[in-house]
């Protein structure tokens, strides 16, 4: 007896199958449209990859059938290695649809440093320094700690790429 099953692309869309997390900082992209619908997005960008107890900055390029959004605040997306050290598959939520995801493959180059915003601009710092910051603020997206705690006002301003607010001007002393 022969059983028939429909063919699928074999790509799981369950977040449980994606043990890594990626925080997309910036990307440049070009969209290809069919009428008003995006059919493909190609681009390149920068992100941090959280893998177990390690964190790496990555540079990436991609070509996907759906938009790859930047992370908002400390938001991360589930990911897994398709080709270790070379190709990541990212699980991207479909906007407006709960528990619905698309996948996007990123061709990556791992970096020794990680990316971090500084005064509203992208910068880099050693991974060890960033990991110490993660411990201090109880931030570990791989283990479900998705929001850092005890952030300073400057760190809160940086979270969405804003430059910190300037310090207020000193109040002059009253003249006798």
N, C-alpha and C. Protein backbone atom coordinates (compact mmCIF):
# COMPACT_ATOMS: atom_id res chain seq x y z
N UNK A 1 0.85 -1.17 0.00
CA UNK A 1 0.00 0.00 0.00
C UNK A 1 0.89 1.24 0.00
N UNK A 2 0.64 2.18 -0.87
CA UNK A 2 1.41 3.40 -0.99
C UNK A 2 0.62 4.55 -0.38
N UNK A 3 1.26 5.26 0.53
CA UNK A 3 0.61 6.41 1.15
C UNK A 3 1.17 7.67 0.51
N UNK A 4 0.31 8.63 0.27
CA UNK A 4 0.73 9.89 -0.33
C UNK A 4 0.63 10.98 0.71
N UNK A 5 1.65 11.83 0.76
CA UNK A 5 1.62 12.99 1.65
C UNK A 5 2.03 14.20 0.83
N UNK A 6 1.41 15.33 1.06
CA UNK A 6 1.78 16.52 0.29
C UNK A 6 3.22 16.92 0.57
N UNK A 7 3.88 17.46 -0.43
CA UNK A 7 5.26 17.93 -0.28
C UNK A 7 5.25 19.28 0.44
N UNK A 8 6.18 19.46 1.33
CA UNK A 8 6.35 20.75 2.00
C UNK A 8 7.81 21.13 1.88
N UNK A 9 8.11 22.36 2.20
CA UNK A 9 9.50 22.79 2.12
C UNK A 9 10.30 22.30 3.32
N UNK A 10 9.66 21.64 4.27
CA UNK A 10 10.36 21.07 5.41
C UNK A 10 10.82 22.10 6.43
N UNK A 11 10.53 23.35 6.23
CA UNK A 11 10.98 24.40 7.12
C UNK A 11 9.96 24.59 8.23
N UNK A 12 10.34 24.24 9.45
CA UNK A 12 9.47 24.40 10.60
C UNK A 12 9.23 25.88 10.86
N UNK A 13 8.04 26.20 11.30
CA UNK A 13 7.74 27.58 11.69
C UNK A 13 7.33 27.64 13.16
N UNK A 14 7.83 26.68 13.94
CA UNK A 14 7.61 26.66 15.38
C UNK A 14 8.83 27.27 16.05
N UNK A 15 8.60 28.29 16.89
CA UNK A 15 9.73 28.96 17.54
C UNK A 15 10.56 28.01 18.41
N UNK A 16 9.98 26.91 18.84
CA UNK A 16 10.72 25.93 19.63
C UNK A 16 11.87 25.31 18.84
N UNK A 17 11.79 25.33 17.52
CA UNK A 17 12.84 24.77 16.66
C UNK A 17 13.93 25.77 16.32
N UNK A 18 13.85 26.97 16.90
CA UNK A 18 14.80 28.03 16.61
C UNK A 18 15.47 28.47 17.92
N UNK A 19 16.60 27.85 18.30
CA UNK A 19 17.20 28.08 19.62
C UNK A 19 18.01 29.37 19.75
N UNK A 20 18.29 30.04 18.66
CA UNK A 20 19.09 31.27 18.70
C UNK A 20 18.18 32.49 18.66
N UNK A 21 18.73 33.64 18.98
CA UNK A 21 17.97 34.89 18.88
C UNK A 21 18.82 35.91 18.14
N UNK A 22 18.16 36.75 17.35
CA UNK A 22 18.86 37.77 16.58
C UNK A 22 18.18 39.12 16.79
N UNK A 23 18.98 40.14 17.04
CA UNK A 23 18.48 41.51 17.19
C UNK A 23 18.99 42.30 15.99
N UNK A 24 18.08 42.66 15.09
CA UNK A 24 18.43 43.36 13.86
C UNK A 24 18.50 44.86 14.16
N UNK A 25 19.70 45.42 14.01
CA UNK A 25 19.88 46.85 14.27
C UNK A 25 19.57 47.70 13.06
N UNK A 26 20.11 47.34 11.93
CA UNK A 26 19.91 48.17 10.76
C UNK A 26 20.00 47.33 9.51
N UNK A 27 19.33 47.79 8.47
CA UNK A 27 19.42 47.11 7.19
C UNK A 27 19.09 48.10 6.09
N UNK A 28 19.69 47.85 4.95
CA UNK A 28 19.36 48.57 3.74
C UNK A 28 18.68 47.56 2.84
N UNK A 29 17.57 47.93 2.23
CA UNK A 29 16.83 46.95 1.44
C UNK A 29 16.20 47.60 0.22
N UNK A 30 15.99 46.76 -0.77
CA UNK A 30 15.26 47.14 -1.97
C UNK A 30 14.09 46.18 -2.08
N UNK A 31 12.89 46.72 -2.31
CA UNK A 31 11.68 45.90 -2.42
C UNK A 31 11.29 45.75 -3.88
N UNK A 32 10.86 44.53 -4.24
CA UNK A 32 10.27 44.29 -5.57
C UNK A 32 8.78 44.08 -5.35
N UNK A 33 7.96 44.85 -6.07
CA UNK A 33 6.51 44.82 -5.88
C UNK A 33 5.80 44.17 -7.06
N UNK A 34 4.67 43.55 -6.76
CA UNK A 34 3.70 43.14 -7.75
C UNK A 34 2.44 43.90 -7.38
N UNK A 35 2.09 44.87 -8.14
CA UNK A 35 1.06 45.85 -7.80
C UNK A 35 1.46 46.51 -6.49
N UNK A 36 0.71 46.36 -5.42
CA UNK A 36 1.08 47.01 -4.16
C UNK A 36 1.65 46.04 -3.14
N UNK A 37 1.85 44.78 -3.52
CA UNK A 37 2.36 43.77 -2.59
C UNK A 37 3.85 43.55 -2.80
N UNK A 38 4.60 43.53 -1.69
CA UNK A 38 6.03 43.22 -1.76
C UNK A 38 6.17 41.74 -2.12
N UNK A 39 6.90 41.46 -3.19
CA UNK A 39 7.13 40.08 -3.63
C UNK A 39 8.50 39.59 -3.18
N UNK A 40 9.43 40.51 -3.00
CA UNK A 40 10.77 40.14 -2.60
C UNK A 40 11.45 41.35 -1.99
N UNK A 41 12.32 41.10 -1.01
CA UNK A 41 13.12 42.14 -0.42
C UNK A 41 14.56 41.64 -0.38
N UNK A 42 15.48 42.43 -0.92
CA UNK A 42 16.90 42.11 -0.91
C UNK A 42 17.62 43.19 -0.14
N UNK A 43 18.63 42.79 0.62
CA UNK A 43 19.36 43.82 1.34
C UNK A 43 20.53 43.27 2.12
N UNK A 44 21.04 44.14 2.96
CA UNK A 44 22.16 43.79 3.84
C UNK A 44 21.97 44.54 5.14
N UNK A 45 22.62 44.07 6.20
CA UNK A 45 22.44 44.73 7.48
C UNK A 45 23.40 44.28 8.54
N UNK A 46 23.11 44.72 9.76
CA UNK A 46 23.90 44.40 10.95
C UNK A 46 22.98 43.96 12.06
N UNK A 47 23.48 43.03 12.85
CA UNK A 47 22.67 42.49 13.94
C UNK A 47 23.59 41.91 15.00
N UNK A 48 23.01 41.56 16.15
CA UNK A 48 23.69 40.77 17.15
C UNK A 48 23.01 39.41 17.21
N UNK A 49 23.82 38.37 17.29
CA UNK A 49 23.34 37.00 17.37
C UNK A 49 23.61 36.46 18.76
N UNK A 50 22.57 35.99 19.43
CA UNK A 50 22.66 35.40 20.76
C UNK A 50 22.58 33.89 20.61
N UNK A 51 23.64 33.20 21.03
CA UNK A 51 23.74 31.76 20.85
C UNK A 51 24.26 31.15 22.15
N UNK A 52 23.37 30.51 22.91
CA UNK A 52 23.78 29.98 24.20
C UNK A 52 24.24 31.12 25.09
N UNK A 53 25.49 31.02 25.59
CA UNK A 53 26.06 32.08 26.42
C UNK A 53 26.89 33.07 25.61
N UNK A 54 26.95 32.89 24.29
CA UNK A 54 27.75 33.76 23.44
C UNK A 54 26.89 34.80 22.74
N UNK A 55 27.54 35.91 22.41
CA UNK A 55 26.91 36.95 21.59
C UNK A 55 27.94 37.40 20.57
N UNK A 56 27.51 37.54 19.33
CA UNK A 56 28.39 37.97 18.24
C UNK A 56 27.68 39.05 17.44
N UNK A 57 28.44 40.00 16.95
CA UNK A 57 27.92 40.89 15.94
C UNK A 57 27.96 40.13 14.62
N UNK A 58 27.00 40.40 13.76
CA UNK A 58 27.02 39.79 12.43
C UNK A 58 26.71 40.85 11.38
N UNK A 59 27.34 40.70 10.24
CA UNK A 59 26.97 41.43 9.04
C UNK A 59 26.25 40.41 8.17
N UNK A 60 25.20 40.83 7.47
CA UNK A 60 24.44 39.85 6.70
C UNK A 60 23.92 40.45 5.41
N UNK A 61 23.60 39.57 4.46
CA UNK A 61 22.83 39.95 3.28
C UNK A 61 21.75 38.91 3.11
N UNK A 62 20.70 39.25 2.38
CA UNK A 62 19.55 38.36 2.27
C UNK A 62 18.71 38.70 1.05
N UNK A 63 17.87 37.75 0.69
CA UNK A 63 16.84 37.93 -0.33
C UNK A 63 15.66 37.10 0.14
N UNK A 64 14.57 37.76 0.53
CA UNK A 64 13.43 37.06 1.12
C UNK A 64 12.13 37.47 0.43
N UNK A 65 11.14 36.61 0.56
CA UNK A 65 9.84 36.90 -0.06
C UNK A 65 9.02 37.88 0.76
N UNK A 66 9.41 38.13 1.99
CA UNK A 66 8.70 39.06 2.86
C UNK A 66 9.68 40.06 3.44
N UNK A 67 9.17 41.14 4.00
CA UNK A 67 10.03 42.15 4.61
C UNK A 67 10.70 41.60 5.87
N UNK A 68 11.94 41.95 6.05
CA UNK A 68 12.68 41.65 7.28
C UNK A 68 12.73 42.94 8.09
N UNK A 69 11.99 43.01 9.19
CA UNK A 69 11.95 44.27 9.95
C UNK A 69 13.15 44.42 10.88
N UNK A 70 13.52 45.67 11.16
CA UNK A 70 14.48 45.93 12.22
C UNK A 70 13.81 45.58 13.55
N UNK A 71 14.62 45.23 14.53
CA UNK A 71 14.09 44.98 15.87
C UNK A 71 13.70 46.30 16.50
N UNK A 72 12.63 46.29 17.26
CA UNK A 72 12.19 47.48 17.99
C UNK A 72 12.67 47.33 19.42
N UNK A 73 13.38 48.31 19.94
CA UNK A 73 13.90 48.22 21.30
C UNK A 73 14.82 47.03 21.43
N UNK A 74 14.58 46.17 22.40
CA UNK A 74 15.41 45.00 22.63
C UNK A 74 14.80 43.73 22.04
N UNK A 75 13.81 43.88 21.17
CA UNK A 75 13.14 42.76 20.53
C UNK A 75 14.16 41.90 19.76
N UNK A 76 13.97 40.60 19.81
CA UNK A 76 14.80 39.67 19.05
C UNK A 76 13.90 38.70 18.30
N UNK A 77 14.44 38.11 17.25
CA UNK A 77 13.71 37.12 16.47
C UNK A 77 14.36 35.76 16.64
N UNK A 78 13.56 34.68 16.66
CA UNK A 78 14.14 33.34 16.74
C UNK A 78 14.92 33.03 15.47
N UNK A 79 16.01 32.26 15.62
CA UNK A 79 16.84 31.89 14.48
C UNK A 79 17.46 30.53 14.72
N UNK A 80 17.96 29.92 13.65
CA UNK A 80 18.71 28.67 13.76
C UNK A 80 19.72 28.62 12.61
N UNK A 81 20.76 27.85 12.82
CA UNK A 81 21.76 27.70 11.77
C UNK A 81 21.24 26.76 10.68
N UNK A 82 21.31 27.21 9.45
CA UNK A 82 21.04 26.35 8.30
C UNK A 82 22.37 25.75 7.85
N UNK A 83 23.40 26.60 7.81
CA UNK A 83 24.79 26.18 7.56
C UNK A 83 25.60 26.88 8.64
N UNK A 84 26.05 26.15 9.67
CA UNK A 84 26.73 26.78 10.81
C UNK A 84 27.83 27.76 10.40
N UNK A 85 27.73 28.96 10.97
CA UNK A 85 28.70 30.01 10.72
C UNK A 85 28.54 30.73 9.39
N UNK A 86 27.58 30.29 8.55
CA UNK A 86 27.43 30.89 7.23
C UNK A 86 26.02 31.36 6.90
N UNK A 87 25.00 30.52 7.19
CA UNK A 87 23.62 30.85 6.82
C UNK A 87 22.71 30.63 8.03
N UNK A 88 21.98 31.69 8.41
CA UNK A 88 20.99 31.64 9.49
C UNK A 88 19.59 31.69 8.88
N UNK A 89 18.69 30.89 9.41
CA UNK A 89 17.28 31.01 9.07
C UNK A 89 16.60 31.72 10.22
N UNK A 90 15.93 32.82 9.91
CA UNK A 90 15.26 33.65 10.92
C UNK A 90 13.76 33.47 10.79
N UNK A 91 13.09 33.34 11.92
CA UNK A 91 11.64 33.23 11.97
C UNK A 91 11.09 34.65 12.17
N UNK A 92 10.43 35.16 11.14
CA UNK A 92 9.95 36.55 11.15
C UNK A 92 8.43 36.56 11.31
N UNK A 93 7.91 37.28 12.32
CA UNK A 93 6.46 37.33 12.50
C UNK A 93 5.79 38.07 11.35
N UNK A 94 4.60 37.60 10.98
CA UNK A 94 3.79 38.28 9.97
C UNK A 94 2.99 39.35 10.70
N UNK A 95 3.21 40.60 10.32
CA UNK A 95 2.55 41.71 11.00
C UNK A 95 1.03 41.59 10.87
N UNK A 96 0.35 41.74 12.00
CA UNK A 96 -1.11 41.70 12.01
C UNK A 96 -1.70 40.31 12.13
N UNK A 97 -0.85 39.27 12.19
CA UNK A 97 -1.34 37.89 12.31
C UNK A 97 -0.62 37.21 13.46
N UNK A 98 -1.36 36.89 14.51
CA UNK A 98 -0.80 36.27 15.70
C UNK A 98 -0.33 34.84 15.38
N UNK A 99 0.85 34.49 15.88
CA UNK A 99 1.43 33.14 15.72
C UNK A 99 1.55 32.71 14.26
N UNK A 100 1.80 33.66 13.37
CA UNK A 100 2.04 33.36 11.97
C UNK A 100 3.42 33.90 11.61
N UNK A 101 4.25 33.05 10.97
CA UNK A 101 5.63 33.41 10.70
C UNK A 101 6.03 33.08 9.28
N UNK A 102 7.02 33.82 8.79
CA UNK A 102 7.73 33.50 7.56
C UNK A 102 9.17 33.22 7.95
N UNK A 103 9.90 32.58 7.07
CA UNK A 103 11.32 32.39 7.31
C UNK A 103 12.12 33.20 6.30
N UNK A 104 13.32 33.56 6.70
CA UNK A 104 14.21 34.32 5.84
C UNK A 104 15.63 33.84 6.13
N UNK A 105 16.37 33.51 5.08
CA UNK A 105 17.75 33.07 5.23
C UNK A 105 18.69 34.26 5.10
N UNK A 106 19.62 34.37 6.06
CA UNK A 106 20.62 35.42 6.04
C UNK A 106 21.99 34.79 5.81
N UNK A 107 22.73 35.31 4.86
CA UNK A 107 24.13 34.92 4.67
C UNK A 107 24.92 35.80 5.62
N UNK A 108 25.64 35.21 6.57
CA UNK A 108 26.24 35.99 7.65
C UNK A 108 27.76 35.91 7.65
N UNK A 109 28.36 36.94 8.21
CA UNK A 109 29.78 36.99 8.55
C UNK A 109 29.83 37.32 10.04
N UNK A 110 30.36 36.39 10.84
CA UNK A 110 30.47 36.60 12.28
C UNK A 110 31.59 37.58 12.58
N UNK A 111 31.39 38.41 13.58
CA UNK A 111 32.38 39.39 14.00
C UNK A 111 32.82 39.08 15.42
N UNK A 112 34.01 39.54 15.78
CA UNK A 112 34.50 39.36 17.15
C UNK A 112 33.81 40.32 18.11
N UNK A 113 33.47 41.51 17.63
CA UNK A 113 32.78 42.50 18.45
C UNK A 113 31.28 42.38 18.26
N UNK A 114 30.53 43.10 19.12
CA UNK A 114 29.08 43.17 18.97
C UNK A 114 28.72 44.61 18.62
N UNK A 115 27.51 44.78 18.10
CA UNK A 115 27.02 46.12 17.76
C UNK A 115 26.28 46.70 18.95
N UNK A 116 26.38 48.01 19.09
CA UNK A 116 25.69 48.71 20.16
C UNK A 116 25.47 50.15 19.72
N UNK A 117 24.35 50.72 20.10
CA UNK A 117 24.11 52.13 19.80
C UNK A 117 24.84 52.99 20.82
N UNK A 118 25.39 54.09 20.34
CA UNK A 118 26.08 55.03 21.21
C UNK A 118 25.76 56.43 20.72
N UNK A 119 25.07 57.20 21.54
CA UNK A 119 24.63 58.55 21.15
C UNK A 119 23.85 58.54 19.85
N UNK A 120 22.98 57.54 19.68
CA UNK A 120 22.12 57.46 18.51
C UNK A 120 22.80 56.90 17.28
N UNK A 121 24.06 56.52 17.37
CA UNK A 121 24.80 55.98 16.22
C UNK A 121 25.26 54.56 16.51
N UNK A 122 25.40 53.79 15.43
CA UNK A 122 25.89 52.43 15.58
C UNK A 122 27.37 52.46 15.93
N UNK A 123 27.74 51.60 16.86
CA UNK A 123 29.13 51.45 17.25
C UNK A 123 29.40 49.99 17.54
N UNK A 124 30.60 49.70 17.95
CA UNK A 124 30.98 48.35 18.30
C UNK A 124 31.64 48.35 19.67
N UNK A 125 31.59 47.20 20.33
CA UNK A 125 32.33 47.02 21.57
C UNK A 125 32.68 45.54 21.70
N UNK A 126 33.67 45.22 22.52
CA UNK A 126 34.04 43.82 22.70
C UNK A 126 32.87 43.01 23.25
N UNK A 127 32.77 41.77 22.79
CA UNK A 127 31.69 40.89 23.24
C UNK A 127 31.71 40.71 24.76
N UNK A 128 32.89 40.63 25.36
CA UNK A 128 32.99 40.44 26.82
C UNK A 128 32.36 41.62 27.57
N UNK A 129 32.56 42.82 27.08
CA UNK A 129 31.97 44.01 27.73
C UNK A 129 30.44 43.98 27.59
N UNK A 130 29.95 43.60 26.42
CA UNK A 130 28.50 43.52 26.21
C UNK A 130 27.89 42.43 27.08
N UNK A 131 28.58 41.29 27.20
CA UNK A 131 28.06 40.20 28.05
C UNK A 131 28.00 40.64 29.51
N UNK A 132 28.98 41.43 29.96
CA UNK A 132 28.95 41.95 31.34
C UNK A 132 27.74 42.87 31.51
N UNK A 133 27.43 43.70 30.49
CA UNK A 133 26.24 44.55 30.53
C UNK A 133 24.99 43.69 30.61
N UNK A 134 24.94 42.59 29.84
CA UNK A 134 23.78 41.69 29.86
C UNK A 134 23.57 41.11 31.25
N UNK A 135 24.66 40.69 31.92
CA UNK A 135 24.55 40.13 33.28
C UNK A 135 24.05 41.20 34.24
N UNK A 136 24.62 42.40 34.14
CA UNK A 136 24.23 43.51 35.04
C UNK A 136 22.75 43.83 34.91
N UNK A 137 22.21 43.73 33.69
CA UNK A 137 20.82 44.11 33.44
C UNK A 137 19.88 42.92 33.26
N UNK A 138 20.36 41.72 33.60
CA UNK A 138 19.54 40.51 33.54
C UNK A 138 18.86 40.36 32.17
N UNK A 139 19.65 40.53 31.12
CA UNK A 139 19.16 40.45 29.73
C UNK A 139 19.77 39.22 29.08
N UNK A 140 18.93 38.26 28.71
CA UNK A 140 19.39 37.02 28.08
C UNK A 140 18.26 36.47 27.21
N UNK A 141 18.12 36.99 25.98
CA UNK A 141 16.98 36.60 25.14
C UNK A 141 16.93 35.11 24.80
N UNK A 142 18.06 34.42 24.82
CA UNK A 142 18.05 32.97 24.54
C UNK A 142 17.27 32.23 25.62
N UNK A 143 17.30 32.76 26.86
CA UNK A 143 16.64 32.11 27.99
C UNK A 143 15.40 32.87 28.46
N UNK A 144 14.78 33.62 27.56
CA UNK A 144 13.49 34.24 27.86
C UNK A 144 13.55 35.55 28.62
N UNK A 145 14.75 36.08 28.87
CA UNK A 145 14.88 37.37 29.56
C UNK A 145 15.01 38.44 28.48
N UNK A 146 13.87 38.87 27.96
CA UNK A 146 13.83 39.71 26.76
C UNK A 146 13.89 41.20 27.01
N UNK A 147 13.77 41.62 28.24
CA UNK A 147 13.80 43.05 28.56
C UNK A 147 14.83 43.29 29.64
N UNK A 148 15.84 44.11 29.36
CA UNK A 148 16.84 44.40 30.40
C UNK A 148 16.22 45.18 31.55
N UNK A 149 16.77 45.01 32.73
CA UNK A 149 16.27 45.69 33.93
C UNK A 149 17.26 46.77 34.36
N UNK A 150 16.80 47.68 35.20
CA UNK A 150 17.64 48.71 35.82
C UNK A 150 18.44 49.53 34.80
N UNK A 151 17.78 49.98 33.74
CA UNK A 151 18.45 50.79 32.74
C UNK A 151 18.54 52.24 33.19
N UNK A 152 19.65 52.90 32.88
CA UNK A 152 19.78 54.33 33.15
C UNK A 152 18.94 55.09 32.14
N UNK A 153 18.74 56.38 32.36
CA UNK A 153 17.98 57.20 31.42
C UNK A 153 18.64 57.22 30.05
N UNK A 154 19.97 57.28 30.01
CA UNK A 154 20.69 57.29 28.74
C UNK A 154 20.50 55.96 28.00
N UNK A 155 20.53 54.84 28.73
CA UNK A 155 20.33 53.53 28.10
C UNK A 155 18.91 53.40 27.57
N UNK A 156 17.93 53.93 28.28
CA UNK A 156 16.55 53.89 27.80
C UNK A 156 16.40 54.69 26.51
N UNK A 157 17.06 55.84 26.44
CA UNK A 157 17.01 56.65 25.22
C UNK A 157 17.66 55.92 24.05
N UNK A 158 18.73 55.18 24.32
CA UNK A 158 19.45 54.46 23.27
C UNK A 158 18.66 53.27 22.74
N UNK A 159 17.76 52.72 23.54
CA UNK A 159 17.09 51.47 23.17
C UNK A 159 16.40 51.53 21.82
N UNK A 160 15.91 52.66 21.41
CA UNK A 160 15.27 52.77 20.10
C UNK A 160 16.04 53.66 19.15
N UNK A 161 17.33 53.81 19.42
CA UNK A 161 18.18 54.54 18.49
C UNK A 161 18.17 56.04 18.66
N UNK A 162 17.55 56.52 19.71
CA UNK A 162 17.51 57.96 19.93
C UNK A 162 18.77 58.41 20.65
N UNK A 163 19.22 59.58 20.33
CA UNK A 163 20.33 60.15 21.08
C UNK A 163 19.80 60.56 22.45
N UNK A 164 20.61 60.39 23.49
CA UNK A 164 20.13 60.79 24.81
C UNK A 164 19.79 62.28 24.84
N UNK A 165 18.81 62.63 25.65
CA UNK A 165 18.41 64.03 25.78
C UNK A 165 19.56 64.83 26.38
N UNK A 166 19.78 66.05 25.89
CA UNK A 166 20.86 66.85 26.46
C UNK A 166 20.56 67.20 27.91
N UNK A 167 21.63 67.35 28.67
CA UNK A 167 21.46 67.73 30.08
C UNK A 167 20.90 69.14 30.14
N UNK A 168 20.01 69.40 31.11
CA UNK A 168 19.47 70.77 31.22
C UNK A 168 20.58 71.76 31.55
N UNK A 169 20.43 72.97 31.07
CA UNK A 169 21.40 74.01 31.36
C UNK A 169 21.36 74.34 32.85
N UNK A 170 22.52 74.62 33.44
CA UNK A 170 22.51 74.95 34.87
C UNK A 170 21.74 76.25 35.12
N UNK A 171 21.07 76.30 36.24
CA UNK A 171 20.32 77.49 36.62
C UNK A 171 21.28 78.49 37.24
N UNK A 172 21.29 79.73 36.72
CA UNK A 172 22.22 80.70 37.31
C UNK A 172 21.83 81.02 38.76
N UNK A 173 22.85 81.29 39.53
CA UNK A 173 22.60 81.66 40.94
C UNK A 173 21.97 83.05 40.99
N UNK A 174 21.06 83.29 41.93
CA UNK A 174 20.43 84.61 42.03
C UNK A 174 21.49 85.67 42.39
N UNK A 175 21.34 86.83 41.79
CA UNK A 175 22.27 87.95 42.06
C UNK A 175 21.75 88.77 43.23
N UNK A 176 22.67 89.11 44.17
CA UNK A 176 22.21 89.92 45.32
C UNK A 176 21.92 91.34 44.96
